[in-house]
Protein backbone atom coordinates (compact mmCIF):
# COMPACT_ATOMS: atom_id res chain seq x y z
CA MET A 1 55.13 212.04 -9.41
CA ARG A 2 58.19 211.34 -10.97
CA VAL A 3 57.81 208.17 -13.10
CA LEU A 4 60.47 205.54 -14.28
CA PHE A 5 59.05 203.57 -17.49
CA PHE A 6 59.65 200.03 -18.21
CA GLY A 7 58.18 199.24 -21.52
CA SER A 8 59.19 197.60 -24.91
CA ASP A 9 56.18 196.73 -27.22
CA GLU A 10 53.76 198.70 -29.15
CA PHE A 11 50.87 197.75 -26.31
CA ALA A 12 52.76 200.30 -24.30
CA LEU A 13 53.02 203.18 -26.46
CA ASP A 14 49.62 204.84 -25.37
CA SER A 15 50.66 204.81 -21.65
CA LEU A 16 54.28 206.15 -22.59
CA VAL A 17 52.67 208.96 -24.83
CA ARG A 18 49.64 210.27 -22.22
CA LEU A 19 52.04 210.14 -19.45
CA ALA A 20 54.21 212.68 -20.74
CA GLU A 21 50.90 214.66 -21.35
CA THR A 22 49.99 214.55 -17.31
CA ARG A 23 51.55 216.75 -14.56
CA HIS A 24 53.52 213.50 -13.79
CA LEU A 25 57.22 213.48 -14.52
CA LEU A 26 58.55 211.20 -17.16
CA VAL A 27 62.04 210.83 -15.52
CA GLY A 28 63.25 208.15 -17.91
CA VAL A 29 62.76 204.72 -19.85
CA VAL A 30 63.99 201.28 -19.00
CA GLY A 31 63.78 199.09 -22.07
CA LYS A 32 65.36 196.35 -24.20
CA PRO A 33 68.64 197.09 -25.94
CA ASP A 34 68.42 196.98 -29.66
CA ARG A 35 68.38 193.82 -31.56
CA PRO A 36 69.27 192.73 -34.88
CA SER A 37 66.50 192.69 -37.62
CA GLY A 38 65.37 191.96 -41.45
CA ARG A 39 67.84 190.81 -44.02
CA GLY A 40 70.99 192.94 -42.92
CA LEU A 41 70.51 192.54 -39.47
CA ARG A 42 70.58 196.01 -38.46
CA PRO A 43 70.20 196.77 -35.14
CA LEU A 44 66.45 198.19 -34.73
CA PRO A 45 64.77 199.72 -31.73
CA THR A 46 62.08 198.37 -30.01
CA PRO A 47 58.94 200.61 -30.62
CA VAL A 48 58.96 201.94 -26.88
CA ILE A 49 62.49 203.26 -26.97
CA ASP A 50 61.80 203.94 -30.72
CA ARG A 51 59.63 206.72 -29.41
CA ALA A 52 61.29 207.44 -26.17
CA ARG A 53 64.08 208.73 -28.69
CA GLU A 54 61.68 210.96 -30.01
CA MET A 55 60.97 212.48 -26.97
CA SER A 56 64.17 213.09 -26.03
CA LEU A 57 63.35 210.99 -22.66
CA SER A 58 66.74 209.67 -21.03
CA LEU A 59 67.02 206.22 -21.82
CA TRP A 60 68.51 203.05 -20.33
CA GLN A 61 68.51 199.69 -22.03
CA PRO A 62 70.39 197.16 -20.46
CA GLU A 63 70.44 193.34 -21.16
CA ARG A 64 69.52 192.44 -17.84
CA LEU A 65 68.22 194.72 -14.76
CA GLU A 66 71.47 194.11 -12.47
CA LYS A 67 71.96 196.09 -9.64
CA ALA A 68 75.51 197.38 -11.03
CA GLU A 69 74.67 198.06 -14.24
CA LEU A 70 71.26 200.10 -13.47
CA LEU A 71 71.49 200.89 -9.58
CA ASP A 72 73.10 204.27 -10.02
CA ALA A 73 71.82 205.32 -12.91
CA VAL A 74 67.84 205.23 -11.59
CA ASN A 75 68.53 206.57 -8.25
CA GLU A 76 70.34 209.76 -9.62
CA GLN A 77 66.32 210.19 -10.89
CA GLN A 78 64.84 210.85 -7.23
CA TRP A 79 61.83 208.53 -8.70
CA ASP A 80 57.99 208.41 -6.87
CA VAL A 81 56.75 204.95 -8.80
CA GLY A 82 57.84 202.62 -11.26
CA VAL A 83 55.85 201.74 -14.12
CA VAL A 84 55.47 198.64 -16.21
CA VAL A 85 53.89 198.19 -19.16
CA ALA A 86 54.78 195.24 -21.93
CA TYR A 87 58.38 195.20 -20.98
CA GLY A 88 58.89 191.60 -21.85
CA GLY A 89 60.93 191.07 -18.64
CA ILE A 90 61.55 190.16 -14.70
CA ILE A 91 61.73 192.93 -12.40
CA PRO A 92 63.92 191.68 -9.89
CA GLU A 93 62.89 191.95 -6.54
CA TRP A 94 65.56 194.49 -5.54
CA LEU A 95 64.18 197.07 -7.80
CA PHE A 96 60.89 197.05 -5.63
CA SER A 97 61.83 198.85 -2.85
CA LEU A 98 63.63 201.67 -4.21
CA PRO A 99 60.64 203.81 -5.62
CA PRO A 100 58.32 205.06 -2.49
CA PHE A 101 55.30 203.71 -4.38
CA GLY A 102 56.54 200.61 -5.94
CA PHE A 103 55.74 199.52 -9.07
CA VAL A 104 52.56 200.06 -10.80
CA ASN A 105 51.89 197.29 -13.93
CA VAL A 106 49.26 197.77 -16.48
CA HIS A 107 47.74 194.55 -17.76
CA PRO A 108 45.61 193.57 -20.71
CA SER A 109 42.96 191.38 -18.48
CA LEU A 110 40.71 191.30 -15.74
CA LEU A 111 42.76 189.84 -13.66
CA PRO A 112 43.23 187.48 -11.51
CA ARG A 113 42.04 185.92 -14.65
CA TYR A 114 44.49 185.81 -17.39
CA ARG A 115 47.99 185.94 -15.92
CA GLY A 116 50.91 185.58 -18.18
CA ALA A 117 52.34 186.32 -21.56
CA ALA A 118 49.12 185.82 -23.83
CA PRO A 119 45.93 187.88 -22.08
CA VAL A 120 44.40 189.15 -25.36
CA GLU A 121 45.01 185.64 -27.22
CA ARG A 122 43.81 183.34 -24.69
CA ALA A 123 40.82 185.44 -24.04
CA ILE A 124 39.71 185.06 -27.60
CA MET A 125 40.80 181.55 -27.91
CA ASN A 126 38.33 180.66 -25.14
CA GLY A 127 35.59 182.55 -26.22
CA ALA A 128 35.23 185.14 -22.94
CA SER A 129 33.17 187.93 -24.09
CA ILE A 130 34.34 190.57 -21.70
CA THR A 131 37.90 191.47 -20.82
CA GLY A 132 39.62 194.47 -19.71
CA VAL A 133 42.94 195.89 -18.30
CA THR A 134 43.74 196.01 -14.77
CA THR A 135 46.40 198.06 -13.04
CA ILE A 136 48.21 196.44 -9.93
CA LYS A 137 51.01 197.33 -7.64
CA MET A 138 53.64 194.55 -8.39
CA ASN A 139 55.52 192.03 -6.43
CA GLU A 140 58.02 189.33 -6.78
CA ARG A 141 55.06 187.20 -8.31
CA LEU A 142 53.76 187.11 -11.87
CA ASP A 143 50.94 189.66 -12.38
CA ALA A 144 49.88 188.66 -8.56
CA GLY A 145 50.19 191.79 -6.76
CA ASP A 146 47.62 193.51 -5.22
CA ILE A 147 44.75 195.29 -7.43
CA LEU A 148 44.46 199.02 -7.13
CA SER A 149 42.27 199.40 -10.50
CA HIS A 150 40.29 197.20 -13.63
CA ARG A 151 38.28 198.70 -16.23
CA GLU A 152 35.87 196.18 -18.30
CA GLU A 153 35.95 196.12 -22.55
CA PRO A 154 33.46 193.42 -24.46
CA ILE A 155 35.20 191.27 -26.86
CA TYR A 156 32.76 191.35 -30.30
CA GLU A 157 32.71 188.62 -32.56
CA ASP A 158 34.73 190.15 -34.80
CA ASP A 159 37.73 191.27 -32.88
CA THR A 160 41.33 190.20 -33.47
CA ALA A 161 43.82 190.30 -30.82
CA GLY A 162 45.20 193.04 -32.84
CA THR A 163 41.95 194.51 -32.59
CA LEU A 164 41.36 193.97 -28.87
CA ARG A 165 44.72 194.79 -27.76
CA ARG A 166 44.81 198.36 -29.63
CA ARG A 167 41.73 199.21 -27.77
CA LEU A 168 42.81 197.94 -24.07
CA ALA A 169 46.27 199.62 -25.07
CA ARG A 170 43.96 203.04 -25.30
CA MET A 171 42.14 201.87 -22.10
CA GLY A 172 44.85 200.93 -19.85
CA ALA A 173 47.00 204.15 -20.66
CA ALA A 174 44.01 205.83 -19.01
CA LEU A 175 43.37 203.73 -16.48
CA LEU A 176 47.68 204.17 -16.03
CA VAL A 177 47.13 207.95 -15.59
CA ASP A 178 44.32 207.33 -13.33
CA THR A 179 45.92 204.88 -10.79
CA LEU A 180 48.88 207.34 -10.32
CA ASP A 181 46.46 210.42 -9.48
CA GLY A 182 44.76 208.31 -7.14
CA LEU A 183 47.98 207.07 -5.61
CA GLU A 184 49.27 210.38 -5.68
CA GLU A 185 46.41 211.62 -3.94
CA GLY A 186 45.58 208.54 -1.43
CA SER A 187 42.34 207.75 -3.20
CA ILE A 188 43.44 204.03 -3.95
CA GLU A 189 43.27 201.11 -1.87
CA ALA A 190 45.35 198.44 -3.27
CA VAL A 191 42.87 194.79 -2.58
CA PRO A 192 44.50 191.40 -2.97
CA GLN A 193 43.81 189.35 -6.00
CA GLU A 194 41.35 186.05 -5.22
CA GLU A 195 43.70 183.86 -5.96
CA GLY A 196 40.78 180.72 -6.14
CA LYS A 197 39.95 182.87 -9.37
CA ALA A 198 43.45 183.13 -10.79
CA THR A 199 43.52 181.53 -14.00
CA ASP A 200 47.11 181.37 -16.64
CA ALA A 201 47.36 182.87 -20.50
CA PRO A 202 51.08 181.12 -20.94
CA PRO A 203 53.09 182.22 -24.56
CA ILE A 204 51.63 180.75 -27.60
CA ARG A 205 53.76 178.12 -28.66
CA SER A 206 54.04 177.08 -32.61
CA ALA A 207 52.00 174.01 -32.50
CA GLU A 208 49.04 176.20 -31.17
CA GLY A 209 48.44 177.69 -34.37
CA ASN A 210 48.39 174.53 -36.41
CA VAL A 211 44.87 174.18 -37.30
CA ASP A 212 42.94 170.90 -36.16
CA TRP A 213 39.91 170.95 -38.60
CA ARG A 214 38.33 168.48 -35.89
CA GLN A 215 37.79 171.18 -33.94
CA PRO A 216 33.87 172.86 -33.98
CA ALA A 217 34.31 175.59 -36.71
CA GLU A 218 33.36 178.07 -33.70
CA THR A 219 36.32 176.71 -31.99
CA LEU A 220 38.47 177.28 -35.03
CA ASP A 221 37.34 180.71 -35.70
CA ARG A 222 38.55 182.29 -32.49
CA LEU A 223 42.01 180.41 -32.86
CA VAL A 224 42.44 182.40 -36.38
CA ARG A 225 41.46 185.77 -34.80
CA ALA A 226 43.84 185.09 -31.45
CA LEU A 227 46.98 184.81 -33.54
CA ASN A 228 46.14 187.32 -35.98
CA PRO A 229 48.10 189.41 -36.34
CA GLU A 230 50.69 186.82 -35.25
CA PRO A 231 52.02 184.38 -35.56
CA GLY A 232 48.81 183.31 -37.29
CA ALA A 233 47.11 180.29 -37.59
CA TYR A 234 48.39 177.43 -40.37
CA THR A 235 47.88 174.35 -42.25
CA PHE A 236 48.91 172.77 -44.96
CA PHE A 237 47.96 172.24 -48.73
CA ARG A 238 49.41 169.70 -51.37
CA GLY A 239 52.29 169.54 -48.88
CA LYS A 240 52.93 173.43 -48.42
CA ARG A 241 52.15 175.71 -45.24
CA ILE A 242 48.92 178.00 -45.67
CA LYS A 243 48.57 180.62 -43.12
CA ILE A 244 44.71 181.55 -42.62
CA TRP A 245 44.40 185.18 -41.07
CA SER A 246 40.25 185.41 -41.41
CA THR A 247 37.57 182.68 -41.58
CA ARG A 248 33.70 182.87 -41.14
CA VAL A 249 31.13 179.89 -39.59
CA THR A 250 29.05 179.03 -41.79
CA ASP A 251 25.51 177.37 -41.04
CA VAL A 252 26.20 174.86 -43.74
CA PRO A 253 26.34 171.26 -41.89
CA GLN A 254 29.64 169.11 -42.43
CA GLU A 255 29.05 167.06 -45.19
CA ASP A 256 32.46 165.13 -45.38
CA GLU A 257 35.44 164.46 -43.36
CA PRO A 258 36.72 167.24 -41.41
CA GLY A 259 39.59 169.47 -43.26
CA THR A 260 37.64 168.28 -46.88
CA ILE A 261 37.13 171.13 -49.40
CA GLN A 262 33.51 171.58 -50.76
CA ASN A 263 31.32 174.20 -52.35
CA MET A 264 33.64 175.66 -54.61
CA GLY A 265 32.20 179.01 -56.08
CA LYS A 266 33.17 182.69 -56.42
CA GLU A 267 33.12 184.13 -53.04
CA GLY A 268 36.56 180.73 -52.50
CA PHE A 269 35.33 177.41 -50.88
CA LEU A 270 34.16 175.75 -47.64
CA VAL A 271 36.39 173.57 -45.29
CA ASN A 272 34.34 170.71 -43.35
CA THR A 273 34.93 170.90 -39.62
CA GLU A 274 33.83 168.79 -36.51
CA SER A 275 30.67 171.18 -36.80
CA ALA A 276 29.14 173.43 -39.61
CA CYS A 277 31.51 174.39 -42.38
CA LEU A 278 33.98 176.74 -42.01
CA GLN A 279 34.75 179.66 -45.27
CA PRO A 280 38.51 181.07 -45.31
CA ILE A 281 38.21 184.48 -46.30
CA LEU A 282 42.17 185.75 -45.96
CA VAL A 283 45.08 183.19 -46.39
CA GLN A 284 49.39 183.57 -47.00
CA PRO A 285 50.41 180.69 -49.17
CA GLU A 286 53.35 179.89 -48.35
CA GLY A 287 56.63 182.17 -49.75
CA LYS A 288 53.22 184.74 -51.35
CA PRO A 289 51.75 187.88 -50.12
CA ARG A 290 48.16 187.91 -47.98
CA MET A 291 45.51 186.95 -50.42
CA GLY A 292 41.57 186.23 -50.97
CA ALA A 293 40.42 183.02 -50.40
CA ALA A 294 39.04 182.83 -53.87
CA GLU A 295 41.67 184.36 -55.56
CA PHE A 296 43.87 181.23 -54.25
CA SER A 297 41.39 179.02 -54.85
CA ARG A 298 41.69 180.45 -58.98
CA GLY A 299 45.53 180.30 -58.58
CA GLN A 300 45.99 176.86 -57.01
CA ARG A 301 43.10 175.11 -59.27
CA ILE A 302 41.53 173.61 -56.34
CA THR A 303 38.90 171.16 -56.59
CA ILE A 304 36.27 169.91 -54.40
CA GLY A 305 37.46 167.09 -52.14
CA GLU A 306 40.29 168.20 -51.70
CA SER A 307 41.78 168.24 -48.28
CA PHE A 308 43.89 170.94 -45.87
CA THR A 309 46.15 168.88 -43.50
CA ARG A 310 48.21 169.07 -40.29
CA GLU A 311 51.14 167.96 -41.86
CA PRO A 312 53.12 168.49 -44.78
């Protein structure tokens, strides 16, 4: 099939590259415009646009998917199907009817669970043990199209959003190819989602990363892992923000108020929570690089009884 690919961030790269290796023909890529970035505010492409340029693919980077700007260009391609992977924008209804096979989306969850922008993060935060990827035939409702295919993937106790997303990206690329093969062969039947089982995965708000030490240690460990590699969980110490990138749940019982530091040692320190103590492993003081908790402790000369807080 002739495929027009819509994508932006790193999650879509595996799908883009994998498609280029199949019998399906990538007629072009639609992505976001280059954006100013870094200290020099030099316009930089999204990962998908950067890779598509390396692959010498036809590119369109409209600010919005408007008829006047895109219709003539994409119609010239005689495309059979639109593929959307981590595009980061709304596909307008007028586009859905253009390709004969419609639009196929790769979503990193087992739909109808975790519809929305942060399915990987929400699954880890909620303590889910299994997630996966789903391909759907898109409609005008967000992540609510009929299911074409899906595959399951376990969530491990040490998974971060980054490690889990990378596995799901590879899995999603393979599932996408299988889905397109099935559509072309007529061997896939679209199945409506069960609306009663639908759950939401809204974008992560900055305030959600503010560690509430009154929560159980297991909940806080999941929060830290869910917000790694971005935007990062954080707390405050002596009035300055500290990001927490890695933690370990211990069997040491709570001995003081939540947030209070105890059990100083060569490997760092423990922090009281609502349940057992949590051991920070990797932290990042404001304006400094990431470092081990022991190095942070030595540099700050932390003493037992000091506390991490939710406000400066």
